[in-house]
Protein backbone atom coordinates (compact mmCIF):
# COMPACT_ATOMS: atom_id res chain seq x y z
CA MET A 1 -50.05 7.07 -79.28
CA ALA A 2 -52.02 9.81 -77.62
CA GLU A 3 -50.00 12.48 -75.87
CA ILE A 4 -49.40 11.74 -72.19
CA ILE A 5 -48.61 14.57 -69.84
CA LEU A 6 -46.54 13.79 -66.76
CA PRO A 7 -47.38 13.56 -63.96
CA ALA A 8 -50.01 11.27 -65.46
CA ASN A 9 -53.73 10.94 -64.78
CA ASN A 10 -54.08 14.56 -63.70
CA TRP A 11 -52.14 13.89 -60.52
CA THR A 12 -50.94 16.97 -58.67
CA PRO A 13 -48.99 17.30 -55.43
CA ARG A 14 -50.96 18.11 -52.31
CA PRO A 15 -50.79 21.71 -51.06
CA HIS A 16 -47.97 21.18 -48.58
CA GLN A 17 -46.09 18.92 -51.03
CA ARG A 18 -45.80 21.62 -53.68
CA ARG A 19 -42.65 23.19 -52.34
CA ALA A 20 -40.88 19.81 -52.24
CA TRP A 21 -42.06 19.09 -55.78
CA ALA A 22 -40.76 22.44 -57.01
CA GLU A 23 -37.39 22.05 -55.27
CA ILE A 24 -36.75 18.54 -56.61
CA GLN A 25 -38.04 19.33 -60.08
CA GLY A 26 -35.93 22.47 -59.99
CA GLY A 27 -32.76 20.45 -59.70
CA LYS A 28 -32.21 19.76 -56.01
CA LYS A 29 -30.30 16.46 -55.88
CA ARG A 30 -31.07 15.48 -52.28
CA ALA A 31 -34.24 15.71 -50.22
CA ALA A 32 -35.29 14.49 -46.76
CA LEU A 33 -39.05 14.54 -46.29
CA CYS A 34 -40.45 13.79 -42.83
CA TRP A 35 -44.14 13.50 -43.64
CA PRO A 36 -47.03 11.98 -41.68
CA ARG A 37 -48.86 8.74 -42.31
CA ARG A 38 -51.37 8.72 -45.16
CA TYR A 39 -49.97 11.84 -46.75
CA GLY A 40 -49.31 10.21 -50.11
CA LYS A 41 -45.57 9.76 -49.70
CA ASP A 42 -45.28 6.91 -52.19
CA ASP A 43 -47.65 8.51 -54.71
CA PHE A 44 -45.49 11.63 -54.61
CA SER A 45 -42.35 9.54 -55.09
CA LEU A 46 -43.70 7.46 -57.97
CA HIS A 47 -44.99 10.44 -59.93
CA MET A 48 -41.75 12.34 -59.35
CA THR A 49 -39.75 9.38 -60.61
CA ALA A 50 -41.94 9.10 -63.72
CA CYS A 51 -41.13 12.70 -64.61
CA LYS A 52 -37.43 12.23 -63.93
CA ALA A 53 -37.27 9.01 -65.97
CA PHE A 54 -38.42 10.88 -69.06
CA GLU A 55 -36.14 13.84 -68.44
CA ARG A 56 -32.99 11.71 -68.24
CA VAL A 57 -32.59 8.19 -69.57
CA GLY A 58 -31.28 5.94 -66.83
CA ASN A 59 -32.07 3.37 -64.17
CA TYR A 60 -34.29 4.34 -61.24
CA ALA A 61 -35.21 2.51 -58.02
CA HIS A 62 -37.81 2.74 -55.28
CA CYS A 63 -36.48 1.18 -52.07
CA LEU A 64 -38.53 0.01 -49.11
CA PRO A 65 -36.89 -1.20 -45.89
CA GLN A 66 -37.28 -4.91 -46.64
CA ALA A 67 -37.61 -6.84 -49.89
CA ASN A 68 -40.55 -8.86 -48.57
CA GLN A 69 -42.60 -5.65 -48.26
CA VAL A 70 -42.13 -4.40 -51.80
CA ARG A 71 -44.68 -6.42 -53.76
CA LYS A 72 -47.57 -5.66 -51.42
CA ALA A 73 -46.69 -2.08 -50.53
CA ILE A 74 -45.67 -0.81 -53.99
CA TRP A 75 -45.98 -3.26 -56.87
CA LYS A 76 -49.52 -4.41 -56.04
CA ALA A 77 -50.64 -1.41 -54.00
CA VAL A 78 -54.07 -0.06 -54.95
CA ASN A 79 -55.11 3.56 -54.63
CA PRO A 80 -58.33 3.36 -52.56
CA ARG A 81 -59.62 6.55 -54.13
CA THR A 82 -59.46 5.22 -57.71
CA GLY A 83 -59.28 1.43 -57.38
CA ARG A 84 -56.24 1.39 -59.68
CA LEU A 85 -52.70 0.16 -59.05
CA ARG A 86 -50.51 3.02 -57.95
CA ILE A 87 -47.78 2.07 -60.42
CA ASP A 88 -50.33 2.11 -63.27
CA GLU A 89 -51.37 5.61 -62.31
CA ALA A 90 -47.80 6.88 -62.18
CA PHE A 91 -46.42 4.82 -65.08
CA PRO A 92 -49.14 4.45 -67.76
CA HIS A 93 -48.85 1.32 -69.90
CA GLU A 94 -48.51 3.48 -73.00
CA LEU A 95 -45.12 4.63 -71.70
CA ARG A 96 -43.83 1.10 -71.10
CA ARG A 97 -41.91 -1.20 -73.34
CA LYS A 98 -41.98 -4.10 -70.91
CA THR A 99 -43.32 -4.94 -67.44
CA LEU A 100 -41.38 -7.66 -65.61
CA ASP A 101 -43.52 -8.96 -62.76
CA ASN A 102 -40.96 -11.30 -61.17
CA GLU A 103 -38.33 -8.57 -60.99
CA MET A 104 -40.90 -5.86 -60.21
CA MET A 105 -39.30 -3.82 -62.97
CA ILE A 106 -40.63 -1.58 -65.74
CA GLU A 107 -38.76 -0.74 -68.93
CA PHE A 108 -39.94 2.49 -70.52
CA ILE A 109 -40.14 3.28 -74.21
CA ASN A 110 -37.35 5.85 -73.93
CA GLY A 111 -34.87 3.33 -72.47
CA SER A 112 -35.19 4.20 -68.79
CA THR A 113 -35.99 1.52 -66.21
CA TRP A 114 -37.65 1.61 -62.79
CA GLN A 115 -37.56 -1.15 -60.19
CA ALA A 116 -39.06 -1.66 -56.73
CA VAL A 117 -36.56 -3.25 -54.33
CA GLY A 118 -35.76 -3.71 -50.66
CA SER A 119 -32.97 -1.58 -49.24
CA ASP A 120 -31.96 -4.60 -47.14
CA ASN A 121 -30.71 -6.04 -50.44
CA TYR A 122 -28.87 -2.92 -51.50
CA GLY A 123 -25.99 -5.00 -52.83
CA ALA A 124 -28.18 -5.92 -55.79
CA LEU A 125 -28.18 -2.27 -56.87
CA ILE A 126 -24.42 -1.79 -56.75
CA GLY A 127 -22.96 -1.57 -60.22
CA SER A 128 -26.31 -0.94 -61.90
CA GLY A 129 -25.65 2.75 -62.48
CA HIS A 130 -28.84 4.16 -60.99
CA VAL A 131 -29.35 7.87 -61.53
CA GLY A 132 -32.31 8.29 -59.18
CA ILE A 133 -33.29 6.45 -55.98
CA VAL A 134 -36.24 6.91 -53.63
CA PHE A 135 -35.76 5.56 -50.10
CA SER A 136 -39.26 5.10 -48.69
CA GLU A 137 -39.68 4.73 -44.92
CA TRP A 138 -36.02 5.56 -44.59
CA ALA A 139 -36.15 5.66 -40.78
CA LEU A 140 -36.83 1.89 -40.84
CA SER A 141 -34.19 1.08 -43.44
CA ASN A 142 -30.63 -0.10 -43.08
CA PRO A 143 -28.49 3.07 -43.09
CA SER A 144 -25.70 1.13 -44.80
CA ALA A 145 -27.76 1.18 -47.99
CA TRP A 146 -27.07 4.87 -48.52
CA ALA A 147 -23.40 4.53 -47.64
CA PHE A 148 -23.03 1.93 -50.39
CA LEU A 149 -25.17 3.65 -53.02
CA ARG A 150 -24.17 7.28 -52.50
CA PRO A 151 -20.93 6.99 -54.50
CA ILE A 152 -22.90 5.82 -57.55
CA LEU A 153 -25.03 8.96 -57.55
CA ALA A 154 -22.07 11.19 -56.72
CA ASP A 155 -20.29 9.82 -59.77
CA ASN A 156 -23.16 10.22 -62.24
CA GLY A 157 -24.82 13.34 -60.83
CA GLY A 158 -27.94 11.43 -59.84
CA TRP A 159 -30.54 12.29 -57.23
CA ALA A 160 -31.91 10.64 -54.11
CA PHE A 161 -34.65 11.52 -51.71
CA PHE A 162 -35.65 10.02 -48.42
CA VAL A 163 -39.23 10.07 -47.22
CA SER A 164 -40.44 8.65 -43.92
CA THR A 165 -42.10 9.08 -40.60
CA PRO A 166 -39.52 9.30 -37.79
CA ARG A 167 -38.21 6.61 -35.46
CA GLY A 168 -36.62 8.63 -32.73
CA LYS A 169 -33.38 10.45 -33.37
CA ASN A 170 -31.88 7.74 -35.55
CA HIS A 171 -30.07 7.95 -38.89
CA PHE A 172 -33.03 9.68 -40.55
CA TYR A 173 -32.98 12.42 -37.92
CA LYS A 174 -29.22 12.85 -38.31
CA MET A 175 -29.56 13.01 -42.08
CA PHE A 176 -32.34 15.58 -41.77
CA GLN A 177 -30.32 17.77 -39.42
CA GLY A 178 -27.30 17.50 -41.68
CA GLY A 179 -29.41 18.48 -44.67
CA LEU A 180 -30.69 21.58 -42.88
CA LYS A 181 -27.08 22.73 -42.60
CA ASP A 182 -26.53 22.26 -46.35
CA PRO A 183 -29.46 24.05 -48.01
CA ASP A 184 -27.59 24.47 -51.29
CA ASN A 185 -27.67 20.72 -51.86
CA TRP A 186 -30.52 19.48 -49.67
CA PHE A 187 -34.21 20.21 -49.32
CA CYS A 188 -35.62 19.19 -45.94
CA ASP A 189 -39.29 19.30 -45.07
CA HIS A 190 -40.95 18.39 -41.77
CA LEU A 191 -44.75 18.21 -41.68
CA SER A 192 -47.32 16.91 -39.23
CA ALA A 193 -50.99 16.05 -39.58
CA ASP A 194 -52.04 19.18 -37.71
CA ILE A 195 -50.28 21.22 -40.41
CA THR A 196 -51.26 19.26 -43.52
CA LEU A 197 -54.89 18.80 -42.36
CA HIS A 198 -55.16 15.87 -44.78
CA ILE A 199 -57.09 14.00 -42.08
CA PRO A 200 -60.05 15.68 -40.35
CA PRO A 201 -59.44 16.43 -36.64
CA GLU A 202 -62.25 14.13 -35.53
CA THR A 203 -60.73 11.26 -37.52
CA LEU A 204 -57.32 11.92 -35.98
CA ALA A 205 -58.86 11.88 -32.51
CA GLN A 206 -60.50 8.55 -33.28
CA GLU A 207 -57.19 7.19 -34.57
CA LEU A 208 -55.52 8.13 -31.29
CA ARG A 209 -58.26 6.43 -29.27
CA GLU A 210 -57.92 3.25 -31.32
CA MET A 211 -54.13 3.22 -31.01
CA GLN A 212 -54.40 3.58 -27.25
CA ALA A 213 -57.01 0.83 -27.09
CA GLU A 214 -54.67 -1.50 -29.00
CA ARG A 215 -51.34 -0.56 -27.46
CA GLY A 216 -52.15 0.99 -24.12
CA GLU A 217 -52.38 4.68 -23.31
CA GLU A 218 -48.66 5.49 -23.19
CA GLU A 219 -47.51 3.43 -26.17
CA GLY A 220 -50.57 4.39 -28.22
CA GLN A 221 -49.79 8.07 -27.66
CA ALA A 222 -46.15 7.49 -28.63
CA LEU A 223 -47.18 5.73 -31.83
CA PHE A 224 -49.63 8.52 -32.69
CA ASN A 225 -46.97 11.18 -32.07
CA GLN A 226 -44.54 9.27 -34.25
CA GLU A 227 -46.83 8.49 -37.17
CA TYR A 228 -49.06 11.56 -37.36
CA MET A 229 -47.21 14.32 -35.51
CA CYS A 230 -43.80 13.23 -36.88
CA ASP A 231 -42.31 13.81 -33.44
CA TRP A 232 -38.58 13.05 -33.36
CA ASN A 233 -38.78 12.71 -29.57
CA ALA A 234 -41.59 10.15 -29.48
CA ALA A 235 -40.68 6.90 -27.74
CA ILE A 236 -40.17 4.01 -30.16
CA PRO A 237 -43.07 1.57 -29.62
CA GLY A 238 -41.91 -1.91 -28.72
CA ALA A 239 -38.22 -0.99 -28.46
CA TYR A 240 -36.30 -3.25 -26.08
CA TYR A 241 -33.44 -0.98 -25.05
CA SER A 242 -34.26 2.53 -26.24
CA SER A 243 -35.26 3.96 -22.85
CA ILE A 244 -32.16 2.51 -21.19
CA LEU A 245 -29.91 4.05 -23.84
CA VAL A 246 -31.61 7.42 -23.39
CA GLY A 247 -30.82 7.14 -19.69
CA LEU A 248 -27.19 6.25 -20.41
CA GLU A 249 -26.82 9.27 -22.66
CA LYS A 250 -28.27 11.57 -20.02
CA ALA A 251 -25.87 10.05 -17.48
CA GLY A 252 -22.88 10.73 -19.72
CA GLN A 253 -22.23 7.05 -20.42
CA ILE A 254 -22.25 7.53 -24.20
CA GLY A 255 -19.35 9.69 -25.30
CA ASN A 256 -15.59 9.36 -25.64
CA VAL A 257 -14.55 5.94 -24.32
CA PRO A 258 -10.95 5.25 -25.35
CA TRP A 259 -9.28 1.87 -25.48
CA ASP A 260 -7.20 1.13 -22.39
CA PRO A 261 -4.15 -0.90 -23.50
CA GLN A 262 -3.73 -2.24 -19.95
CA TYR A 263 -6.76 -4.47 -20.43
CA GLU A 264 -7.55 -7.13 -22.99
CA VAL A 265 -10.39 -6.69 -25.47
CA TYR A 266 -13.25 -9.17 -25.78
CA THR A 267 -15.41 -9.53 -28.86
CA SER A 268 -18.84 -10.96 -29.55
CA TRP A 269 -19.98 -11.98 -33.03
CA ASP A 270 -23.21 -12.47 -34.89
CA LEU A 271 -22.35 -14.41 -38.03
CA GLY A 272 -24.49 -13.85 -41.09
CA ILE A 273 -24.89 -16.30 -43.95
CA GLY A 274 -25.22 -14.17 -47.06
CA ASP A 275 -26.06 -11.44 -44.57
CA ALA A 276 -24.37 -8.95 -42.28
CA THR A 277 -21.85 -10.01 -39.64
CA ALA A 278 -21.61 -7.77 -36.57
CA ILE A 279 -18.81 -7.58 -33.98
CA TRP A 280 -18.75 -5.69 -30.68
CA PHE A 281 -15.50 -4.90 -28.82
CA TYR A 282 -15.51 -4.65 -25.01
CA GLN A 283 -13.21 -4.09 -22.07
CA PHE A 284 -14.26 -5.10 -18.56
CA ILE A 285 -12.62 -2.70 -16.11
CA GLY A 286 -13.71 -2.64 -12.49
CA LYS A 287 -17.49 -2.57 -12.50
CA GLU A 288 -17.60 -0.92 -15.91
CA VAL A 289 -18.23 -2.52 -19.29
CA ARG A 290 -16.46 -0.25 -21.75
CA VAL A 291 -17.81 -0.78 -25.23
CA ILE A 292 -15.04 0.71 -27.35
CA ASP A 293 -15.78 -0.33 -30.93
CA TYR A 294 -18.23 -1.91 -33.35
CA TYR A 295 -17.81 -3.34 -36.82
CA GLU A 296 -20.36 -4.62 -39.32
CA SER A 297 -20.12 -5.65 -42.94
CA SER A 298 -21.68 -8.07 -45.41
CA GLY A 299 -20.83 -9.96 -48.56
CA VAL A 300 -17.29 -10.85 -47.44
CA GLY A 301 -15.67 -13.97 -46.03
CA LEU A 302 -14.42 -14.72 -42.54
CA GLU A 303 -10.89 -13.77 -43.60
CA HIS A 304 -12.08 -10.19 -43.93
CA TYR A 305 -13.25 -10.00 -40.32
CA VAL A 306 -10.06 -11.59 -39.02
CA LYS A 307 -8.10 -8.99 -40.99
CA ILE A 308 -10.18 -6.21 -39.43
CA LEU A 309 -9.41 -7.52 -35.95
CA ARG A 310 -5.72 -7.79 -36.78
CA GLU A 311 -5.58 -4.22 -38.07
CA LYS A 312 -6.92 -2.79 -34.83
CA PRO A 313 -4.33 -2.10 -32.11
CA TYR A 314 -6.09 -4.17 -29.47
CA THR A 315 -4.68 -7.11 -27.54
CA TYR A 316 -7.44 -9.69 -27.55
CA ALA A 317 -8.44 -11.99 -24.75
CA GLU A 318 -8.70 -15.71 -25.33
CA ARG A 319 -12.47 -15.41 -25.52
CA HIS A 320 -14.27 -14.47 -28.71
CA PHE A 321 -17.95 -15.09 -28.04
CA PHE A 322 -19.96 -16.90 -30.73
CA PRO A 323 -23.47 -18.36 -30.90
CA HIS A 324 -23.84 -22.12 -30.97
CA ASP A 325 -24.55 -22.19 -34.71
CA VAL A 326 -20.89 -21.41 -35.41
CA ARG A 327 -20.48 -25.20 -35.17
CA ALA A 328 -22.93 -25.89 -38.00
CA ARG A 329 -21.17 -27.44 -40.98
CA GLU A 330 -21.35 -25.70 -44.33
CA LEU A 331 -22.56 -27.79 -47.24
CA SER A 332 -19.95 -26.37 -49.62
CA THR A 333 -16.89 -27.30 -47.54
CA GLY A 334 -18.06 -29.74 -44.90
CA ALA A 335 -16.26 -27.61 -42.31
CA SER A 336 -17.84 -25.54 -39.59
CA ARG A 337 -17.13 -21.85 -39.31
CA GLU A 338 -15.64 -22.57 -35.91
CA GLU A 339 -13.04 -24.73 -37.62
CA THR A 340 -12.44 -22.14 -40.33
CA LEU A 341 -11.97 -19.40 -37.75
CA GLY A 342 -9.65 -21.64 -35.76
CA LYS A 343 -7.40 -22.01 -38.79
CA LEU A 344 -7.34 -18.22 -39.03
CA GLY A 345 -6.31 -17.88 -35.39
CA ILE A 346 -9.66 -17.07 -33.81
CA ARG A 347 -10.56 -19.49 -31.05
CA CYS A 348 -14.24 -19.48 -30.31
CA LYS A 349 -16.00 -19.46 -27.00
CA VAL A 350 -19.16 -21.20 -28.16
CA LEU A 351 -22.16 -20.17 -26.11
CA PRO A 352 -24.88 -22.66 -25.25
CA ALA A 353 -28.23 -22.16 -26.92
CA THR A 354 -30.33 -19.87 -24.76
CA SER A 355 -33.70 -18.27 -25.29
CA VAL A 356 -33.83 -14.84 -26.87
CA ASP A 357 -35.88 -13.58 -23.92
CA ASP A 358 -33.21 -14.66 -21.43
CA GLY A 359 -30.55 -13.00 -23.57
CA ILE A 360 -32.53 -9.76 -23.75
CA SER A 361 -32.85 -9.79 -19.96
CA GLU A 362 -29.08 -10.24 -19.69
CA VAL A 363 -28.54 -7.28 -22.03
CA ARG A 364 -30.79 -5.09 -19.93
CA MET A 365 -28.81 -5.96 -16.82
CA MET A 366 -25.46 -5.34 -18.51
CA LEU A 367 -26.42 -2.10 -20.25
CA ARG A 368 -26.58 -0.11 -17.02
CA SER A 369 -22.87 -0.82 -16.47
CA CYS A 370 -21.92 0.05 -20.05
CA TRP A 371 -19.97 3.04 -21.29
CA PHE A 372 -20.11 3.39 -25.08
CA ASP A 373 -17.78 5.21 -27.42
CA LYS A 374 -20.28 7.34 -29.31
CA THR A 375 -18.26 7.61 -32.51
CA LYS A 376 -16.92 4.09 -32.98
CA CYS A 377 -20.14 2.46 -31.81
CA GLU A 378 -22.54 4.79 -33.64
CA LYS A 379 -24.10 2.21 -35.94
CA GLY A 380 -24.22 -0.45 -33.24
CA LEU A 381 -25.90 1.95 -30.82
CA GLU A 382 -28.49 2.76 -33.43
CA ALA A 383 -29.18 -0.93 -33.94
CA LEU A 384 -29.65 -1.42 -30.19
CA GLY A 385 -31.90 1.61 -29.91
CA GLN A 386 -34.10 0.57 -32.83
CA TYR A 387 -34.28 -3.14 -31.95
CA GLN A 388 -37.93 -3.87 -31.20
CA LYS A 389 -40.72 -6.36 -30.82
CA GLU A 390 -42.67 -7.33 -33.92
CA TRP A 391 -46.28 -6.17 -33.97
CA ASP A 392 -48.94 -8.63 -35.15
CA ASP A 393 -51.46 -6.38 -36.85
CA THR A 394 -53.97 -9.23 -37.22
CA ARG A 395 -54.04 -10.21 -33.55
CA LYS A 396 -53.34 -6.66 -32.33
CA MET A 397 -50.53 -7.75 -30.06
CA TYR A 398 -46.77 -8.17 -30.10
CA LYS A 399 -45.34 -11.42 -31.36
CA PRO A 400 -43.16 -13.41 -28.97
CA THR A 401 -40.11 -12.83 -31.18
CA PRO A 402 -38.24 -9.64 -32.11
CA LEU A 403 -38.70 -8.01 -35.49
CA HIS A 404 -36.00 -9.30 -37.82
CA ASN A 405 -34.47 -6.46 -39.80
CA TRP A 406 -31.15 -4.67 -40.15
CA THR A 407 -30.98 -4.01 -36.40
CA SER A 408 -30.96 -7.73 -35.59
CA HIS A 409 -27.27 -8.26 -36.40
CA GLY A 410 -25.93 -5.69 -33.96
CA ALA A 411 -28.52 -6.52 -31.31
CA ASP A 412 -27.91 -10.28 -31.53
CA SER A 413 -24.15 -9.80 -31.35
CA PHE A 414 -24.54 -7.65 -28.24
CA ARG A 415 -26.84 -10.25 -26.71
CA TYR A 416 -24.15 -12.91 -27.18
CA GLY A 417 -21.68 -10.57 -25.50
CA ALA A 418 -23.99 -10.09 -22.54
CA VAL A 419 -24.56 -13.82 -22.13
CA GLY A 420 -20.92 -14.75 -22.65
CA SER A 421 -19.48 -12.12 -20.32
CA LYS A 422 -21.68 -12.84 -17.32
CA SER A 423 -18.84 -14.37 -15.30
CA LEU A 424 -16.45 -11.60 -16.34
CA ARG A 425 -18.85 -9.00 -15.02
CA SER A 426 -18.72 -10.83 -11.71
CA GLY A 427 -15.08 -9.82 -11.34
CA ASN A 428 -13.04 -12.46 -13.21
CA ARG A 429 -11.06 -10.16 -15.52
CA HIS A 430 -7.43 -9.73 -16.46
CA THR A 431 -4.92 -7.16 -17.66
CA THR A 432 -2.90 -7.65 -20.82
CA GLN A 433 0.17 -8.60 -18.79
CA GLN A 434 -1.57 -11.86 -17.95
CA PHE A 435 -2.10 -12.70 -21.60
CA ALA A 436 0.00 -13.44 -24.62
CA GLN A 437 0.83 -12.31 -28.07
CA SER A 438 -0.95 -9.95 -30.45
CA ASN A 439 1.13 -10.46 -33.60
CA TYR A 440 -0.76 -13.19 -35.41
CA ASP A 441 -0.81 -12.75 -39.18
CA PRO A 442 -4.00 -14.33 -40.61
CA TYR A 443 -2.51 -14.29 -44.09
CA ASN A 444 0.70 -16.08 -43.07
CA PRO A 445 -0.36 -18.47 -40.30
CA PRO A 446 2.77 -20.20 -39.01
CA GLY A 447 1.11 -23.39 -37.81
CA HIS A 448 -0.75 -21.44 -35.14
CA SER A 449 2.49 -20.69 -33.28
CA GLN A 450 1.53 -17.01 -33.24
CA GLN A 451 -1.87 -16.10 -31.95
CA PHE A 452 -3.57 -12.84 -31.09
CA TYR A 453 -5.55 -14.48 -28.34
CA ALA A 454 -4.05 -15.63 -25.08
CA ASP A 455 -4.05 -18.87 -23.05
CA SER A 456 -2.32 -21.63 -25.01
CA ASP A 457 -4.43 -24.20 -23.16
CA TRP A 458 -7.66 -22.87 -24.66
CA ASP A 459 -9.75 -25.74 -25.98
CA LEU A 460 -10.97 -24.87 -29.48
CA TYR A 461 -13.75 -27.43 -29.29
CA GLY A 462 -14.68 -27.01 -25.65
CA ASP A 463 -17.00 -24.64 -23.89
CA ASN A 464 -14.50 -23.57 -21.24
């Protein structure tokens, strides 16, 4: 076999990428790269991974936000300058032992592997011992992916870098700012198209005009600032609640919001099937909606969520708000999740099916009365802020439905809370003295004689 020099095919980093290349190749284990559109982010990542895979034998991954994007954006992506697949340029066939198309995986002749995956399916990577992971378009990805995968790399001394355009001051921004404070372990790089000059000024000006023609002047400018100027402060195009949340933060309504034990706690749930389940915790006090907590997890049964509720100190109201599909029967057991939850002591207030648009309107009305605990609700707030309309790039207009991604779970759960609590926000609320016990043990249910909801007349199967 002829000698192959990596990076292959005479690829070299672009001028403003050279420092990042040197830092990562020099041993930096973490990097956050906020780079503009069309600046070769994935090319950089693929060639870097190729070098790393032949320096250390191990498993490597390239993660995009969603699994359904991976084949088109990475596995089958063609470099328009050369007409060749990007993965073929970075990983020459001479270096491969096997190419597995279905799994989008490459096995190299030295024993290393590389796979393209969606970070929304990060559970598939747990236990696989990866020593290097690229998170592409990290600002759009589920932040839980890093929380789950970080311990793997901490254990084996592996590396990870995160490359993206920004989406407001979300988890990518927070990671970037944290990395700046830890220069011994992190390399952080923020570039914009007016610095890189990879696109001629006249082409950039034309791009801005086209974006404004498609999206309107204000939103087009915001999108341009986000994608090309890498502006952390740019408004998120198509976001449903972002501007309201910005207003709440300025008004001091996102901060320290403690639980008041004099009032019961309501919850709203979005139940995932093989997906995340999200729960919001509220107290309705006077004209205020105090949002005191948020919990989200995936890959666990309903017993887990009941246990989480039981471990918190709250006294729960009789109402736990659920969408109508909680009554759907599962093929494996023949029972509905409403029935399963009932056996665990959670009585469901099943909401009637309503349109998503009506629910979003209800959220917008409720948000202005909300006070959020910034720490306990951090991930839920990020989901609400990033929740957005889906853009139809073919028709150049927004679709009538929201974009379904990691933000959907928290946003849907909050929507159910807004719809379910409408009457409560009209003044029908109670203190804990009007309600009953909080000592139900979901792992020793004594025939439902102990319940951590109130009102013994609550109809499990009714909509009261």
